[in-house]
Amino acid sequence: MRQEFTKATKASAFLRAAGRCECGCGMKIQGTPEYDHAIACALGGDNSLENCRVLDPKCHRRKTSAKDVPAIAKNTRTFENQRGLRDKRRSFKGSRKFNGDVTWRT
């Protein structure tokens, strides 16, 4: 479950960053800063100051779409598979020919 940072944590993180993006680019934050979990909550992260990073909105979108979304999706699939919550995918036991006929394998 996703959790938000407290106002005190956000304020401390912003002071620590000194108005610069903490993704590694170091550029000055343009517009409203975004607060990111360095380790996503779905992957075991918490709401501590050490896990809070201040990012420029462009860097935040890039980081979230490239790293977090696929990792969280894989974590969810693994969690559901281990607990038997996902249906097993059934493979098609046959082959189609160009004319539309189906040859069944035994």
Foldseek 3Di string as FASTA:
>chain_A
DADDADPVLVVVQCVVLVQFFPPPPRHGADDDWDWDFCQGVLRPTDRHSVRITTHHVVVVVVCCVPPVPVVSVVSVVVVCVVVVNDDDDDDDQWDADPVGDTGGDD
